[in-house]
Amino acid sequence: MANYLIIGASSGIGKAFALRLAGEGHQVYGTFNNNAVELDPQGIKYSHLNVLDETLDLGPLPDVLDGIAYCPGSINLRPFTRIKPEEFLNDLHLQVVGAVKVIQAVVPKLRKSNHASIVLFSTVAVQTGLPYHAQVAASKGAVEGLTRALAAEYAPKIRVNCVAPSLTDTPLSAPLLNSEQKREANAQRHPMKRIGKTEDIVHAAEFLLSGKADWITGQILHVDGGFSALKV
């Protein structure tokens, strides 16, 4: 049994990831912010956390952590000229600075593990230029850079990898999938002719977090139905 910390474990991919790990018998420590959850549901020890706070209280954590996943994110798609500079900063604070603060806080606990791992999340829009994605691509591009830099700095003790999904059916993406026409149109943009499911992303993230990926670090794993690599 391993000790895992999932930041943003009350909704979407983070919640599915936490439930998956707990179901496999691991001890999962999950955080929530806006989505209220019951205390310790299904074996997950929850605590409140707002990663935008100046100082973070991660709640009661064990002395040794075997892995963390940082799942908070946002999807703000608008024409570039309509995005205010402070909105770029808001995304950077949520998706990059928040991750930095959490990782810095728990590195001492990760160093005590024999197989520590960090998993971050990006987007297909970083490597595949898409219109109206400037805000999310800028912040997630920084996440990918952070992934590689930390992987180099912490090798061989702590592995650091990143999952880059395409559009996935989560509450965060609900506005993009709120009609059958939108769902079908988005499905047809992918070579696999469907949108992503949370379990698609969770399976990849679980692999990277686990000892099965013990020789993998500094990688951006594209789980995107072929979107970033294929034109069919």
C-alpha atoms as a PDB file:
ATOM      1  CA  MET A   1       0.000   0.000   0.000  1.00  0.00           C
ATOM      2  CA  ALA A   2       1.283   3.441  -0.942  1.00  0.00           C
ATOM      3  CA  ASN A   3       0.478   6.918   0.371  1.00  0.00           C
ATOM      4  CA  TYR A   4      -0.755   9.267  -2.339  1.00  0.00           C
ATOM      5  CA  LEU A   5      -1.779  12.935  -2.261  1.00  0.00           C
ATOM      6  CA  ILE A   6      -4.274  14.094  -4.895  1.00  0.00           C
ATOM      7  CA  ILE A   7      -4.746  17.848  -5.155  1.00  0.00           C
ATOM      8  CA  GLY A   8      -8.205  18.603  -6.542  1.00  0.00           C
ATOM      9  CA  ALA A   9      -9.708  15.222  -5.645  1.00  0.00           C
ATOM     10  CA  SER A  10     -13.369  16.178  -5.413  1.00  0.00           C
ATOM     11  CA  SER A  11     -14.328  16.518  -9.078  1.00  0.00           C
ATOM     12  CA  GLY A  12     -13.527  15.318 -12.559  1.00  0.00           C
ATOM     13  CA  ILE A  13     -10.247  13.546 -13.239  1.00  0.00           C
ATOM     14  CA  GLY A  14      -8.902  14.233  -9.751  1.00  0.00           C
ATOM     15  CA  LYS A  15     -11.897  12.584  -8.100  1.00  0.00           C
ATOM     16  CA  ALA A  16     -11.826   9.589 -10.444  1.00  0.00           C
ATOM     17  CA  PHE A  17      -8.087   9.238  -9.847  1.00  0.00           C
ATOM     18  CA  ALA A  18      -8.464   9.334  -6.060  1.00  0.00           C
ATOM     19  CA  LEU A  19     -11.262   6.761  -6.127  1.00  0.00           C
ATOM     20  CA  ARG A  20      -9.235   4.489  -8.391  1.00  0.00           C
ATOM     21  CA  LEU A  21      -6.193   4.569  -6.121  1.00  0.00           C
ATOM     22  CA  ALA A  22      -8.287   4.051  -2.987  1.00  0.00           C
ATOM     23  CA  GLY A  23     -10.033   1.140  -4.676  1.00  0.00           C
ATOM     24  CA  GLU A  24      -6.650  -0.454  -5.293  1.00  0.00           C
ATOM     25  CA  GLY A  25      -5.992  -0.397  -1.549  1.00  0.00           C
ATOM     26  CA  HIS A  26      -3.769   2.669  -1.330  1.00  0.00           C
ATOM     27  CA  GLN A  27      -4.150   5.381   1.295  1.00  0.00           C
ATOM     28  CA  VAL A  28      -5.274   8.487  -0.507  1.00  0.00           C
ATOM     29  CA  TYR A  29      -5.168  12.012   0.879  1.00  0.00           C
ATOM     30  CA  GLY A  30      -7.349  14.287  -1.228  1.00  0.00           C
ATOM     31  CA  THR A  31      -7.982  18.008  -1.217  1.00  0.00           C
ATOM     32  CA  PHE A  32     -11.053  19.970  -2.237  1.00  0.00           C
ATOM     33  CA  ASN A  33     -11.830  23.654  -2.566  1.00  0.00           C
ATOM     34  CA  ASN A  34     -15.213  24.615  -4.037  1.00  0.00           C
ATOM     35  CA  ASN A  35     -16.698  21.133  -4.185  1.00  0.00           C
ATOM     36  CA  ALA A  36     -17.754  20.107  -0.696  1.00  0.00           C
ATOM     37  CA  VAL A  37     -17.279  16.433   0.057  1.00  0.00           C
ATOM     38  CA  GLU A  38     -18.084  14.144   2.924  1.00  0.00           C
ATOM     39  CA  LEU A  39     -15.223  13.442   5.281  1.00  0.00           C
ATOM     40  CA  ASP A  40     -13.245  10.332   4.321  1.00  0.00           C
ATOM     41  CA  PRO A  41     -15.624   8.865   1.708  1.00  0.00           C
ATOM     42  CA  GLN A  42     -14.578   5.483   0.310  1.00  0.00           C
ATOM     43  CA  GLY A  43     -11.253   5.497   2.098  1.00  0.00           C
ATOM     44  CA  ILE A  44     -10.096   8.955   0.977  1.00  0.00           C
ATOM     45  CA  LYS A  45      -8.969  11.353   3.684  1.00  0.00           C
ATOM     46  CA  TYR A  46     -10.146  14.761   2.512  1.00  0.00           C
ATOM     47  CA  SER A  47      -9.058  18.217   3.646  1.00  0.00           C
ATOM     48  CA  HIS A  48      -9.874  21.695   2.379  1.00  0.00           C
ATOM     49  CA  LEU A  49      -7.229  23.489   0.342  1.00  0.00           C
ATOM     50  CA  ASN A  50      -7.231  26.632  -1.768  1.00  0.00           C
ATOM     51  CA  VAL A  51      -3.995  26.550  -3.749  1.00  0.00           C
ATOM     52  CA  LEU A  52      -4.301  30.302  -4.343  1.00  0.00           C
ATOM     53  CA  ASP A  53      -3.799  31.030  -0.638  1.00  0.00           C
ATOM     54  CA  GLU A  54      -0.463  32.602   0.205  1.00  0.00           C
ATOM     55  CA  THR A  55       0.413  29.747   2.568  1.00  0.00           C
ATOM     56  CA  LEU A  56      -0.896  26.232   2.195  1.00  0.00           C
ATOM     57  CA  ASP A  57      -2.270  23.934   4.862  1.00  0.00           C
ATOM     58  CA  LEU A  58      -2.233  20.464   3.352  1.00  0.00           C
ATOM     59  CA  GLY A  59      -3.853  18.914   6.405  1.00  0.00           C
ATOM     60  CA  PRO A  60      -2.608  15.802   8.163  1.00  0.00           C
ATOM     61  CA  LEU A  61      -0.207  13.918   5.925  1.00  0.00           C
ATOM     62  CA  PRO A  62       1.945  10.884   6.673  1.00  0.00           C
ATOM     63  CA  ASP A  63       5.676  11.206   7.167  1.00  0.00           C
ATOM     64  CA  VAL A  64       6.275   9.435   3.844  1.00  0.00           C
ATOM     65  CA  LEU A  65       4.491  10.169   0.569  1.00  0.00           C
ATOM     66  CA  ASP A  66       4.925   7.860  -2.399  1.00  0.00           C
ATOM     67  CA  GLY A  67       3.346  10.159  -4.930  1.00  0.00           C
ATOM     68  CA  ILE A  68       1.302  13.239  -5.639  1.00  0.00           C
ATOM     69  CA  ALA A  69      -0.915  14.345  -8.510  1.00  0.00           C
ATOM     70  CA  TYR A  70      -1.812  17.969  -9.090  1.00  0.00           C
ATOM     71  CA  CYS A  71      -5.201  18.101 -10.816  1.00  0.00           C
ATOM     72  CA  PRO A  72      -6.673  21.651 -10.561  1.00  0.00           C
ATOM     73  CA  GLY A  73      -7.288  23.257 -13.916  1.00  0.00           C
ATOM     74  CA  SER A  74      -9.439  25.560 -15.996  1.00  0.00           C
ATOM     75  CA  ILE A  75     -10.661  25.749 -19.576  1.00  0.00           C
ATOM     76  CA  ASN A  76     -11.132  29.329 -20.738  1.00  0.00           C
ATOM     77  CA  LEU A  77     -11.471  29.481 -24.511  1.00  0.00           C
ATOM     78  CA  ARG A  78     -11.738  32.980 -25.996  1.00  0.00           C
ATOM     79  CA  PRO A  79     -10.196  35.063 -28.765  1.00  0.00           C
ATOM     80  CA  PHE A  80      -6.735  36.236 -27.751  1.00  0.00           C
ATOM     81  CA  THR A  81      -7.602  39.947 -27.919  1.00  0.00           C
ATOM     82  CA  ARG A  82     -10.425  39.451 -25.405  1.00  0.00           C
ATOM     83  CA  ILE A  83      -8.176  37.933 -22.724  1.00  0.00           C
ATOM     84  CA  LYS A  84      -6.937  40.374 -20.108  1.00  0.00           C
ATOM     85  CA  PRO A  85      -3.325  39.994 -18.920  1.00  0.00           C
ATOM     86  CA  GLU A  86      -4.547  39.338 -15.376  1.00  0.00           C
ATOM     87  CA  GLU A  87      -6.555  36.382 -16.667  1.00  0.00           C
ATOM     88  CA  PHE A  88      -3.341  34.807 -17.951  1.00  0.00           C
ATOM     89  CA  LEU A  89      -1.896  35.394 -14.479  1.00  0.00           C
ATOM     90  CA  ASN A  90      -4.920  33.794 -12.824  1.00  0.00           C
ATOM     91  CA  ASP A  91      -4.372  30.606 -14.810  1.00  0.00           C
ATOM     92  CA  LEU A  92      -0.650  30.632 -14.074  1.00  0.00           C
ATOM     93  CA  HIS A  93      -1.318  30.990 -10.363  1.00  0.00           C
ATOM     94  CA  LEU A  94      -3.825  28.125 -10.367  1.00  0.00           C
ATOM     95  CA  GLN A  95      -2.014  25.666 -12.592  1.00  0.00           C
ATOM     96  CA  VAL A  96       1.673  26.494 -12.150  1.00  0.00           C
ATOM     97  CA  VAL A  97       2.314  28.455  -8.973  1.00  0.00           C
ATOM     98  CA  GLY A  98      -0.147  26.256  -7.064  1.00  0.00           C
ATOM     99  CA  ALA A  99       1.704  23.155  -8.229  1.00  0.00           C
ATOM    100  CA  VAL A 100       5.036  24.719  -7.284  1.00  0.00           C
ATOM    101  CA  LYS A 101       3.863  25.507  -3.751  1.00  0.00           C
ATOM    102  CA  VAL A 102       2.430  22.027  -3.203  1.00  0.00           C
ATOM    103  CA  ILE A 103       5.492  20.236  -4.552  1.00  0.00           C
ATOM    104  CA  GLN A 104       7.861  22.379  -2.503  1.00  0.00           C
ATOM    105  CA  ALA A 105       5.822  21.588   0.616  1.00  0.00           C
ATOM    106  CA  VAL A 106       5.901  17.811   0.167  1.00  0.00           C
ATOM    107  CA  VAL A 107       9.340  17.158  -1.366  1.00  0.00           C
ATOM    108  CA  PRO A 108      10.779  16.181   2.050  1.00  0.00           C
ATOM    109  CA  LYS A 109       8.067  13.514   2.386  1.00  0.00           C
ATOM    110  CA  LEU A 110       8.630  12.265  -1.162  1.00  0.00           C
ATOM    111  CA  ARG A 111      12.370  11.951  -0.569  1.00  0.00           C
ATOM    112  CA  LYS A 112      11.657   9.398   2.161  1.00  0.00           C
ATOM    113  CA  SER A 113       9.924   7.049  -0.307  1.00  0.00           C
ATOM    114  CA  ASN A 114      11.784   4.418  -2.286  1.00  0.00           C
ATOM    115  CA  HIS A 115       9.634   4.998  -5.372  1.00  0.00           C
ATOM    116  CA  ALA A 116       8.349   8.579  -5.295  1.00  0.00           C
ATOM    117  CA  SER A 117       6.500  10.021  -8.261  1.00  0.00           C
ATOM    118  CA  ILE A 118       4.800  13.268  -9.274  1.00  0.00           C
ATOM    119  CA  VAL A 119       2.136  13.493 -11.980  1.00  0.00           C
ATOM    120  CA  LEU A 120       1.054  16.812 -13.469  1.00  0.00           C
ATOM    121  CA  PHE A 121      -1.528  17.552 -16.154  1.00  0.00           C
ATOM    122  CA  SER A 122      -1.227  19.510 -19.383  1.00  0.00           C
ATOM    123  CA  THR A 123      -3.353  19.667 -22.532  1.00  0.00           C
ATOM    124  CA  VAL A 124      -3.126  18.651 -26.169  1.00  0.00           C
ATOM    125  CA  ALA A 125      -3.311  22.388 -26.978  1.00  0.00           C
ATOM    126  CA  VAL A 126       0.324  22.937 -25.921  1.00  0.00           C
ATOM    127  CA  GLN A 127       1.880  20.845 -28.701  1.00  0.00           C
ATOM    128  CA  THR A 128      -1.003  21.283 -31.171  1.00  0.00           C
ATOM    129  CA  GLY A 129      -1.848  24.910 -31.873  1.00  0.00           C
ATOM    130  CA  LEU A 130      -5.583  25.475 -31.546  1.00  0.00           C
ATOM    131  CA  PRO A 131      -7.520  28.727 -31.963  1.00  0.00           C
ATOM    132  CA  TYR A 132      -8.915  30.354 -28.826  1.00  0.00           C
ATOM    133  CA  HIS A 133      -6.622  28.250 -26.597  1.00  0.00           C
ATOM    134  CA  ALA A 134      -3.961  30.901 -25.840  1.00  0.00           C
ATOM    135  CA  GLN A 135      -4.830  31.173 -22.148  1.00  0.00           C
ATOM    136  CA  VAL A 136      -4.859  27.474 -21.330  1.00  0.00           C
ATOM    137  CA  ALA A 137      -1.936  26.672 -23.645  1.00  0.00           C
ATOM    138  CA  ALA A 138       0.264  29.316 -22.008  1.00  0.00           C
ATOM    139  CA  SER A 139      -0.244  28.008 -18.474  1.00  0.00           C
ATOM    140  CA  LYS A 140      -0.082  24.343 -19.416  1.00  0.00           C
ATOM    141  CA  GLY A 141       3.024  24.996 -21.504  1.00  0.00           C
ATOM    142  CA  ALA A 142       4.625  26.202 -18.292  1.00  0.00           C
ATOM    143  CA  VAL A 143       3.482  22.976 -16.608  1.00  0.00           C
ATOM    144  CA  GLU A 144       5.277  20.929 -19.261  1.00  0.00           C
ATOM    145  CA  GLY A 145       8.447  22.952 -18.781  1.00  0.00           C
ATOM    146  CA  LEU A 146       8.179  22.507 -15.027  1.00  0.00           C
ATOM    147  CA  THR A 147       7.745  18.756 -15.501  1.00  0.00           C
ATOM    148  CA  ARG A 148      11.002  18.356 -17.398  1.00  0.00           C
ATOM    149  CA  ALA A 149      12.983  20.689 -15.148  1.00  0.00           C
ATOM    150  CA  LEU A 150      11.882  18.944 -11.947  1.00  0.00           C
ATOM    151  CA  ALA A 151      12.463  15.516 -13.482  1.00  0.00           C
ATOM    152  CA  ALA A 152      16.051  16.504 -14.170  1.00  0.00           C
ATOM    153  CA  GLU A 153      16.563  18.091 -10.762  1.00  0.00           C
ATOM    154  CA  TYR A 154      15.109  15.241  -8.704  1.00  0.00           C
ATOM    155  CA  ALA A 155      16.367  12.219 -10.668  1.00  0.00           C
ATOM    156  CA  PRO A 156      16.892   9.510  -9.657  1.00  0.00           C
ATOM    157  CA  LYS A 157      15.001   9.903  -6.370  1.00  0.00           C
ATOM    158  CA  ILE A 158      11.694  11.365  -7.577  1.00  0.00           C
ATOM    159  CA  ARG A 159      10.152  10.773 -10.994  1.00  0.00           C
ATOM    160  CA  VAL A 160       8.129  13.604 -12.577  1.00  0.00           C
ATOM    161  CA  ASN A 161       5.808  13.112 -15.549  1.00  0.00           C
ATOM    162  CA  CYS A 162       2.819  14.800 -17.141  1.00  0.00           C
ATOM    163  CA  VAL A 163      -0.377  13.647 -18.859  1.00  0.00           C
ATOM    164  CA  ALA A 164      -1.634  15.780 -21.766  1.00  0.00           C
ATOM    165  CA  PRO A 165      -5.264  14.922 -22.567  1.00  0.00           C
ATOM    166  CA  SER A 166      -7.509  16.126 -25.303  1.00  0.00           C
ATOM    167  CA  LEU A 167     -11.135  17.032 -24.580  1.00  0.00           C
ATOM    168  CA  THR A 168     -12.417  14.765 -21.820  1.00  0.00           C
ATOM    169  CA  ASP A 169     -15.937  14.373 -20.459  1.00  0.00           C
ATOM    170  CA  THR A 170     -15.660  16.077 -17.067  1.00  0.00           C
ATOM    171  CA  PRO A 171     -17.618  18.813 -15.260  1.00  0.00           C
ATOM    172  CA  LEU A 172     -14.934  21.297 -16.319  1.00  0.00           C
ATOM    173  CA  SER A 173     -15.588  20.643 -20.007  1.00  0.00           C
ATOM    174  CA  ALA A 174     -19.381  20.497 -19.678  1.00  0.00           C
ATOM    175  CA  PRO A 175     -19.954  23.807 -21.551  1.00  0.00           C
ATOM    176  CA  LEU A 176     -18.178  22.319 -24.566  1.00  0.00           C
ATOM    177  CA  LEU A 177     -20.271  19.144 -24.473  1.00  0.00           C
ATOM    178  CA  ASN A 178     -23.722  20.365 -23.497  1.00  0.00           C
ATOM    179  CA  SER A 179     -25.506  19.159 -26.627  1.00  0.00           C
ATOM    180  CA  GLU A 180     -25.425  16.049 -28.777  1.00  0.00           C
ATOM    181  CA  GLN A 181     -24.297  18.165 -31.713  1.00  0.00           C
ATOM    182  CA  LYS A 182     -21.283  19.471 -29.779  1.00  0.00           C
ATOM    183  CA  ARG A 183     -20.404  16.019 -28.492  1.00  0.00           C
ATOM    184  CA  GLU A 184     -20.527  14.489 -31.962  1.00  0.00           C
ATOM    185  CA  ALA A 185     -18.590  17.332 -33.572  1.00  0.00           C
ATOM    186  CA  ASN A 186     -15.837  17.066 -30.969  1.00  0.00           C
ATOM    187  CA  ALA A 187     -15.756  13.285 -31.272  1.00  0.00           C
ATOM    188  CA  GLN A 188     -15.260  13.499 -35.021  1.00  0.00           C
ATOM    189  CA  ARG A 189     -12.197  15.755 -34.581  1.00  0.00           C
ATOM    190  CA  HIS A 190     -10.326  12.822 -33.039  1.00  0.00           C
ATOM    191  CA  PRO A 191      -8.962   9.868 -35.015  1.00  0.00           C
ATOM    192  CA  MET A 192     -10.557   7.522 -32.442  1.00  0.00           C
ATOM    193  CA  LYS A 193     -13.926   9.216 -33.143  1.00  0.00           C
ATOM    194  CA  ARG A 194     -14.874   9.808 -29.533  1.00  0.00           C
ATOM    195  CA  ILE A 195     -14.109  12.245 -26.741  1.00  0.00           C
ATOM    196  CA  GLY A 196     -12.047  11.193 -23.768  1.00  0.00           C
ATOM    197  CA  LYS A 197     -13.439   9.506 -20.687  1.00  0.00           C
ATOM    198  CA  THR A 198     -12.084  10.116 -17.203  1.00  0.00           C
ATOM    199  CA  GLU A 199     -10.894   6.525 -16.995  1.00  0.00           C
ATOM    200  CA  ASP A 200      -8.729   7.041 -20.114  1.00  0.00           C
ATOM    201  CA  ILE A 201      -6.797   9.738 -18.297  1.00  0.00           C
ATOM    202  CA  VAL A 202      -6.829   8.023 -14.907  1.00  0.00           C
ATOM    203  CA  HIS A 203      -5.352   4.787 -16.273  1.00  0.00           C
ATOM    204  CA  ALA A 204      -2.441   6.706 -17.794  1.00  0.00           C
ATOM    205  CA  ALA A 205      -1.875   8.793 -14.669  1.00  0.00           C
ATOM    206  CA  GLU A 206      -2.046   5.720 -12.424  1.00  0.00           C
ATOM    207  CA  PHE A 207       0.584   4.006 -14.557  1.00  0.00           C
ATOM    208  CA  LEU A 208       2.943   6.986 -14.341  1.00  0.00           C
ATOM    209  CA  LEU A 209       2.447   7.266 -10.592  1.00  0.00           C
ATOM    210  CA  SER A 210       3.103   3.576 -10.008  1.00  0.00           C
ATOM    211  CA  GLY A 211       6.250   1.510  -9.866  1.00  0.00           C
ATOM    212  CA  LYS A 212       5.361   0.068 -13.274  1.00  0.00           C
ATOM    213  CA  ALA A 213       6.731   3.305 -14.738  1.00  0.00           C
ATOM    214  CA  ASP A 214       9.916   3.179 -12.671  1.00  0.00           C
ATOM    215  CA  TRP A 215      12.143   3.949 -15.694  1.00  0.00           C
ATOM    216  CA  ILE A 216       9.981   6.787 -17.007  1.00  0.00           C
ATOM    217  CA  THR A 217      10.581  10.403 -16.018  1.00  0.00           C
ATOM    218  CA  GLY A 218      10.448  13.816 -17.668  1.00  0.00           C
ATOM    219  CA  GLN A 219       7.819  12.656 -20.148  1.00  0.00           C
ATOM    220  CA  ILE A 220       4.658  14.260 -21.513  1.00  0.00           C
ATOM    221  CA  LEU A 221       2.233  11.408 -22.216  1.00  0.00           C
ATOM    222  CA  HIS A 222      -0.384  12.363 -24.789  1.00  0.00           C
ATOM    223  CA  VAL A 223      -3.715  10.665 -24.058  1.00  0.00           C
ATOM    224  CA  ASP A 224      -5.747  12.344 -26.752  1.00  0.00           C
ATOM    225  CA  GLY A 225      -7.360   9.815 -29.070  1.00  0.00           C
ATOM    226  CA  GLY A 226      -4.601  10.421 -31.624  1.00  0.00           C
ATOM    227  CA  PHE A 227      -5.415  14.126 -31.954  1.00  0.00           C
ATOM    228  CA  SER A 228      -1.848  15.406 -31.576  1.00  0.00           C
ATOM    229  CA  ALA A 229      -0.147  12.838 -33.811  1.00  0.00           C
ATOM    230  CA  LEU A 230      -2.537  11.723 -36.551  1.00  0.00           C
ATOM    231  CA  LYS A 231      -4.475  13.289 -39.395  1.00  0.00           C
ATOM    232  CA  VAL A 232      -7.083  10.894 -40.776  1.00  0.00           C
END
